[in-house]
């Protein structure tokens, strides 16, 4: 049985030392993002806690059946989705490849494991009209002048700038929260984005996003900044002057989606809509790949399945018997 999320303390000195050495390796050598590192540590800790519960405290004694049983328990007892089990398997393969390369195991037991089949789910996409409705919910609140507090920061400007940026640039929640003010280039109309693994890309902002960002910088952000430097130079700040975290970005998007009467809308929906609308407009798939920051074009190709009209037009244009 897999230990609970709150009971992942390892008592074995060998497993503890192995976990710390492995995390040092992936942190220094693999260039992974903070979120990926957290997931790797959690996955390995869960594996080691279960191995420990079975009396296996030496990585060199791990057999393929131990790993298969662990993945089966995640799937059956924890009811994890196939995508989550696949992520655990990817972590296990990296772990035991590293152990084998460092002579901690005579053979690699993870070599015997097959990747589970994953269904490709088509992403949810909004229409341009729905995107417009979502963004326009971030507007000045309707209240009588005497009820307005002149000292209160107009946070709707922040929300408007955030939503405009996420749709105009196809940003992940973590990416929009990590933007610093010096990464905005108004004269070029671009923003420098730091994506997964610390990879950077320069993305055009578009006029509406640039206008919303400049208005926020002029009329709202100065009211949020504190003299203690807690903002860390980030663009988007909370009411207390701290950088917006990924969870806060998620909450803001869902709040405005509810106001717009939209269901099942989250930060990635804006990113999906960005990519799909570009392809509908005739953008090249490679260009969309670069704008999204995908390392593999296969990840970007899913959007060609979303836009059926583009597939039909390409077929009619280029197939000799269309």
Protein backbone atom coordinates (compact mmCIF):
# COMPACT_ATOMS: atom_id res chain seq x y z
CA UNK A 1 0.00 0.00 0.00
CA UNK A 2 1.28 3.48 -0.88
CA UNK A 3 1.85 5.63 2.22
CA UNK A 4 -0.39 8.66 2.55
CA UNK A 5 0.73 12.08 1.31
CA UNK A 6 1.32 13.20 4.91
CA UNK A 7 3.33 10.07 5.87
CA UNK A 8 6.34 10.19 3.57
CA UNK A 9 9.12 10.47 6.15
CA UNK A 10 11.96 8.07 5.36
CA UNK A 11 13.69 6.30 8.26
CA UNK A 12 16.29 4.48 6.16
CA UNK A 13 19.59 6.44 6.06
CA UNK A 14 20.44 4.81 2.71
CA UNK A 15 17.19 5.83 1.04
CA UNK A 16 17.38 9.31 2.56
CA UNK A 17 20.93 9.79 1.27
CA UNK A 18 19.94 8.45 -2.16
CA UNK A 19 16.99 10.85 -2.37
CA UNK A 20 19.13 13.87 -1.48
CA UNK A 21 21.92 12.90 -3.91
CA UNK A 22 19.43 12.32 -6.73
CA UNK A 23 17.69 15.65 -6.15
CA UNK A 24 21.07 17.40 -6.20
CA UNK A 25 21.78 15.73 -9.55
CA UNK A 26 18.49 16.75 -11.22
CA UNK A 27 18.70 20.26 -9.73
CA UNK A 28 22.23 20.91 -11.00
CA UNK A 29 22.50 18.79 -14.13
CA UNK A 30 19.01 18.63 -15.63
CA UNK A 31 17.96 22.28 -15.55
CA UNK A 32 14.40 21.50 -14.49
CA UNK A 33 11.87 24.06 -13.31
CA UNK A 34 11.02 24.41 -9.61
CA UNK A 35 7.62 22.77 -10.16
CA UNK A 36 9.19 19.78 -11.92
CA UNK A 37 11.77 19.41 -9.15
CA UNK A 38 9.00 19.38 -6.55
CA UNK A 39 7.17 16.68 -8.51
CA UNK A 40 10.34 14.58 -8.84
CA UNK A 41 11.05 14.75 -5.12
CA UNK A 42 7.46 13.87 -4.24
CA UNK A 43 7.43 10.91 -6.67
CA UNK A 44 10.73 9.47 -5.42
CA UNK A 45 9.74 9.98 -1.79
CA UNK A 46 6.47 8.09 -2.40
CA UNK A 47 8.36 5.24 -4.08
CA UNK A 48 10.98 5.00 -1.34
CA UNK A 49 8.33 5.16 1.41
CA UNK A 50 6.50 2.21 -0.14
CA UNK A 51 9.74 0.25 -0.66
CA UNK A 52 10.60 0.91 2.98
CA UNK A 53 7.18 -0.37 4.06
CA UNK A 54 7.98 -3.59 2.17
CA UNK A 55 11.35 -3.94 3.90
CA UNK A 56 13.44 -2.81 0.88
CA UNK A 57 15.95 -0.20 2.06
CA UNK A 58 18.72 -0.64 -0.53
CA UNK A 59 18.18 0.71 -4.08
CA UNK A 60 20.40 -2.09 -5.34
CA UNK A 61 17.86 -4.64 -4.11
CA UNK A 62 14.94 -3.17 -6.03
CA UNK A 63 13.42 -5.58 -8.54
CA UNK A 64 11.23 -4.80 -11.58
CA UNK A 65 8.27 -6.35 -9.73
CA UNK A 66 8.67 -3.81 -6.88
CA UNK A 67 8.34 -0.96 -9.36
CA UNK A 68 5.45 -2.58 -11.23
CA UNK A 69 3.61 -3.14 -7.94
CA UNK A 70 4.17 0.51 -6.97
CA UNK A 71 2.73 1.80 -10.24
CA UNK A 72 -0.20 -0.62 -10.03
CA UNK A 73 -0.97 0.60 -6.51
CA UNK A 74 -0.91 4.22 -7.66
CA UNK A 75 -3.35 3.35 -10.42
CA UNK A 76 -5.68 1.08 -8.43
CA UNK A 77 -5.52 2.17 -4.77
CA UNK A 78 -4.92 5.87 -5.34
CA UNK A 79 -7.07 5.97 -8.51
CA UNK A 80 -4.49 8.11 -10.32
CA UNK A 81 -5.12 9.01 -13.92
CA UNK A 82 -2.91 7.45 -16.58
CA UNK A 83 -1.13 10.77 -17.16
CA UNK A 84 -0.11 10.96 -13.48
CA UNK A 85 1.09 7.34 -13.45
CA UNK A 86 3.09 8.08 -16.61
CA UNK A 87 4.77 11.01 -14.83
CA UNK A 88 5.69 8.74 -11.89
CA UNK A 89 7.14 6.23 -14.34
CA UNK A 90 9.19 8.95 -16.05
CA UNK A 91 10.62 9.94 -12.65
CA UNK A 92 11.42 6.30 -11.82
CA UNK A 93 13.22 5.81 -15.13
CA UNK A 94 15.40 8.89 -14.57
CA UNK A 95 16.12 7.80 -10.99
CA UNK A 96 17.25 4.27 -11.85
CA UNK A 97 19.15 5.38 -14.94
CA UNK A 98 21.12 7.67 -12.61
CA UNK A 99 21.57 4.90 -10.01
CA UNK A 100 22.80 2.46 -12.66
CA UNK A 101 25.19 5.01 -14.17
CA UNK A 102 26.66 5.58 -10.71
CA UNK A 103 27.04 1.83 -10.04
CA UNK A 104 24.41 1.85 -7.29
CA UNK A 105 22.57 -1.00 -9.03
CA UNK A 106 23.95 -3.90 -11.04
CA UNK A 107 21.14 -3.60 -13.55
CA UNK A 108 18.38 -1.11 -14.23
CA UNK A 109 15.05 -2.57 -13.06
CA UNK A 110 13.12 0.28 -14.71
CA UNK A 111 14.17 -0.98 -18.16
CA UNK A 112 11.51 -3.68 -17.82
CA UNK A 113 8.68 -1.20 -17.42
CA UNK A 114 6.54 -0.12 -20.38
CA UNK A 115 5.10 3.35 -20.76
CA UNK A 116 1.33 3.28 -20.12
CA UNK A 117 -0.89 4.20 -23.04
CA UNK A 118 -2.13 7.76 -22.75
CA UNK A 119 -5.20 9.09 -24.50
CA UNK A 120 -4.64 12.48 -26.02
CA UNK A 121 -7.42 14.70 -24.76
CA UNK A 122 -8.26 17.64 -26.96
CA UNK A 123 -7.83 20.86 -25.00
CA UNK A 124 -10.76 23.12 -24.21
CA UNK A 125 -10.81 26.22 -26.40
CA UNK A 126 -12.82 29.45 -26.19
CA UNK A 127 -14.10 31.33 -29.19
CA UNK A 128 -12.72 34.84 -29.82
CA UNK A 129 -16.04 36.26 -28.58
CA UNK A 130 -15.77 34.28 -25.33
CA UNK A 131 -12.19 35.46 -24.81
CA UNK A 132 -13.34 39.04 -25.32
CA UNK A 133 -16.14 38.54 -22.81
CA UNK A 134 -13.72 37.07 -20.26
CA UNK A 135 -11.21 39.91 -20.58
CA UNK A 136 -13.87 42.62 -20.45
CA UNK A 137 -15.03 41.42 -17.02
CA UNK A 138 -11.82 43.03 -15.70
CA UNK A 139 -13.26 46.55 -15.86
CA UNK A 140 -13.86 49.35 -13.35
CA UNK A 141 -16.48 48.27 -10.78
CA UNK A 142 -19.88 49.87 -11.13
CA UNK A 143 -20.52 51.84 -7.96
CA UNK A 144 -21.57 55.37 -7.06
CA UNK A 145 -18.68 57.85 -6.77
CA UNK A 146 -19.32 58.40 -3.07
CA UNK A 147 -18.86 54.65 -2.37
CA UNK A 148 -15.48 54.43 -4.11
CA UNK A 149 -12.31 54.39 -2.00
CA UNK A 150 -9.76 56.65 -3.74
CA UNK A 151 -6.88 55.03 -1.82
CA UNK A 152 -7.74 51.46 -2.90
CA UNK A 153 -5.53 50.07 -5.70
CA UNK A 154 -7.54 49.47 -8.89
CA UNK A 155 -6.83 45.73 -8.99
CA UNK A 156 -9.05 45.33 -12.05
CA UNK A 157 -6.18 46.94 -14.01
CA UNK A 158 -3.84 44.16 -12.82
CA UNK A 159 -6.37 41.49 -13.72
CA UNK A 160 -6.95 43.06 -17.15
CA UNK A 161 -3.22 43.20 -17.87
CA UNK A 162 -2.79 39.60 -16.74
CA UNK A 163 -5.64 38.24 -18.86
CA UNK A 164 -4.54 40.23 -21.91
CA UNK A 165 -0.97 38.96 -21.56
CA UNK A 166 -1.99 35.34 -21.09
CA UNK A 167 -4.13 35.34 -24.23
CA UNK A 168 -1.90 37.57 -26.37
CA UNK A 169 1.26 35.59 -25.58
CA UNK A 170 -0.06 32.09 -24.83
CA UNK A 171 1.41 32.02 -21.32
CA UNK A 172 1.28 29.39 -18.63
CA UNK A 173 0.12 30.51 -15.17
CA UNK A 174 3.65 30.14 -13.79
CA UNK A 175 5.09 32.14 -16.71
CA UNK A 176 2.83 35.17 -16.36
CA UNK A 177 3.48 35.27 -12.61
CA UNK A 178 7.25 35.18 -13.15
CA UNK A 179 7.42 38.17 -15.54
CA UNK A 180 9.58 41.00 -14.19
CA UNK A 181 9.03 44.63 -15.16
CA UNK A 182 12.36 44.80 -17.03
CA UNK A 183 11.21 41.95 -19.30
CA UNK A 184 8.55 44.17 -20.85
CA UNK A 185 9.84 46.02 -23.94
CA UNK A 186 7.19 48.62 -24.88
CA UNK A 187 9.09 50.05 -27.86
CA UNK A 188 9.42 46.59 -29.41
CA UNK A 189 5.99 45.48 -28.22
CA UNK A 190 7.45 42.24 -26.84
CA UNK A 191 7.89 40.45 -23.53
CA UNK A 192 10.72 38.07 -22.57
CA UNK A 193 9.27 34.88 -21.11
CA UNK A 194 11.11 32.34 -19.00
CA UNK A 195 9.52 28.93 -19.57
CA UNK A 196 10.12 25.39 -18.45
CA UNK A 197 13.72 24.50 -17.69
CA UNK A 198 14.67 28.19 -17.65
CA UNK A 199 14.36 28.46 -21.44
CA UNK A 200 13.59 31.97 -22.63
CA UNK A 201 11.60 33.17 -25.62
CA UNK A 202 10.65 36.62 -26.92
CA UNK A 203 6.91 36.90 -27.63
CA UNK A 204 4.97 39.77 -29.28
CA UNK A 205 2.41 41.33 -26.94
CA UNK A 206 -0.07 42.95 -29.29
CA UNK A 207 -1.56 46.41 -28.84
CA UNK A 208 -4.39 45.60 -26.37
CA UNK A 209 -2.04 43.70 -24.04
CA UNK A 210 0.61 46.41 -24.24
CA UNK A 211 -1.93 49.16 -23.52
CA UNK A 212 -3.38 47.24 -20.54
CA UNK A 213 0.10 46.53 -19.17
CA UNK A 214 1.25 50.15 -19.47
CA UNK A 215 -1.92 51.39 -17.77
CA UNK A 216 -1.39 48.92 -14.91
CA UNK A 217 2.25 49.99 -14.58
CA UNK A 218 1.28 53.66 -14.44
CA UNK A 219 -1.88 53.64 -12.32
CA UNK A 220 -1.97 50.46 -10.23
CA UNK A 221 1.39 48.79 -9.60
CA UNK A 222 2.95 51.85 -7.85
CA UNK A 223 0.13 51.63 -5.27
CA UNK A 224 0.97 47.95 -4.58
CA UNK A 225 4.76 48.25 -4.21
CA UNK A 226 6.13 48.23 -0.64
CA UNK A 227 9.43 49.84 0.38
CA UNK A 228 10.85 46.53 1.68
CA UNK A 229 11.36 45.16 -1.85
CA UNK A 230 9.00 42.23 -1.40
CA UNK A 231 7.84 42.61 -5.00
CA UNK A 232 11.21 41.24 -6.26
CA UNK A 233 10.77 43.30 -9.43
CA UNK A 234 7.84 41.16 -10.60
CA UNK A 235 5.22 42.69 -12.84
CA UNK A 236 2.04 41.32 -11.27
CA UNK A 237 1.61 41.90 -7.54
CA UNK A 238 -0.93 40.91 -4.93
CA UNK A 239 -2.82 43.31 -2.69
CA UNK A 240 0.02 42.95 -0.15
CA UNK A 241 2.72 43.81 -2.69
CA UNK A 242 4.06 40.27 -3.17
CA UNK A 243 4.44 38.53 -6.55
CA UNK A 244 1.37 36.66 -7.72
CA UNK A 245 1.81 32.90 -7.28
CA UNK A 246 0.46 30.32 -9.72
CA UNK A 247 -2.49 29.51 -7.45
CA UNK A 248 -3.48 33.19 -7.31
CA UNK A 249 -3.34 33.41 -11.13
CA UNK A 250 -5.63 30.38 -11.31
CA UNK A 251 -8.07 31.94 -8.84
CA UNK A 252 -8.20 35.25 -10.72
CA UNK A 253 -8.88 33.54 -14.06
CA UNK A 254 -11.64 31.33 -12.65
CA UNK A 255 -13.20 34.32 -10.85
CA UNK A 256 -13.49 36.30 -14.06
CA UNK A 257 -14.68 33.23 -15.97
CA UNK A 258 -17.57 32.90 -13.52
CA UNK A 259 -18.39 36.57 -13.99
CA UNK A 260 -18.41 36.05 -17.75
CA UNK A 261 -20.68 33.01 -17.43
CA UNK A 262 -18.04 30.63 -18.80
CA UNK A 263 -17.56 27.08 -17.52
CA UNK A 264 -14.40 24.95 -17.32
CA UNK A 265 -12.10 27.90 -18.00
CA UNK A 266 -8.68 27.96 -16.36
CA UNK A 267 -5.29 29.56 -17.19
CA UNK A 268 -4.36 26.88 -19.73
CA UNK A 269 -7.64 27.47 -21.59
CA UNK A 270 -6.29 30.90 -22.59
CA UNK A 271 -3.07 29.27 -23.80
CA UNK A 272 -5.02 26.66 -25.81
CA UNK A 273 -7.19 29.39 -27.31
CA UNK A 274 -4.11 31.44 -28.24
CA UNK A 275 -2.60 28.54 -30.19
CA UNK A 276 -5.82 27.47 -31.86
CA UNK A 277 -6.76 30.99 -32.97
CA UNK A 278 -3.30 31.47 -34.47
CA UNK A 279 -3.65 28.29 -36.52
CA UNK A 280 -7.15 29.27 -37.63
CA UNK A 281 -5.65 32.57 -38.80
CA UNK A 282 -3.10 30.72 -40.94
CA UNK A 283 -0.02 30.71 -38.69
CA UNK A 284 2.67 28.11 -39.39
CA UNK A 285 2.81 25.26 -36.88
CA UNK A 286 6.54 25.83 -36.30
CA UNK A 287 5.90 29.47 -35.43
CA UNK A 288 3.20 28.47 -32.94
CA UNK A 289 5.65 25.96 -31.45
CA UNK A 290 8.21 28.71 -30.89
CA UNK A 291 5.65 31.09 -29.39
CA UNK A 292 4.41 28.42 -26.97
CA UNK A 293 7.92 27.36 -26.02
CA UNK A 294 7.34 23.69 -26.87
CA UNK A 295 10.53 21.65 -27.18
CA UNK A 296 8.78 19.05 -29.37
CA UNK A 297 6.51 19.98 -32.25
CA UNK A 298 4.50 16.85 -31.48
CA UNK A 299 3.16 18.68 -28.43
CA UNK A 300 1.98 21.53 -30.65
CA UNK A 301 0.36 19.25 -33.22
CA UNK A 302 -2.62 18.56 -30.97
CA UNK A 303 -3.96 21.98 -31.96
CA UNK A 304 -4.28 20.86 -35.57
CA UNK A 305 -6.87 18.35 -34.34
CA UNK A 306 -8.77 21.09 -32.54
CA UNK A 307 -9.03 23.23 -35.67
CA UNK A 308 -10.85 20.93 -38.10
CA UNK A 309 -11.43 23.78 -40.56
CA UNK A 310 -7.67 24.24 -41.02
CA UNK A 311 -7.19 20.54 -41.77
CA UNK A 312 -9.92 20.69 -44.40
CA UNK A 313 -8.53 23.84 -46.02
CA UNK A 314 -4.99 22.43 -46.18
CA UNK A 315 -6.31 19.19 -47.68
CA UNK A 316 -8.35 21.08 -50.29
CA UNK A 317 -5.42 23.33 -51.15
CA UNK A 318 -2.65 20.78 -51.49
CA UNK A 319 -4.18 17.35 -52.22
CA UNK A 320 -4.34 16.67 -55.98
CA UNK A 321 -7.74 14.97 -55.72
CA UNK A 322 -9.37 17.17 -53.12
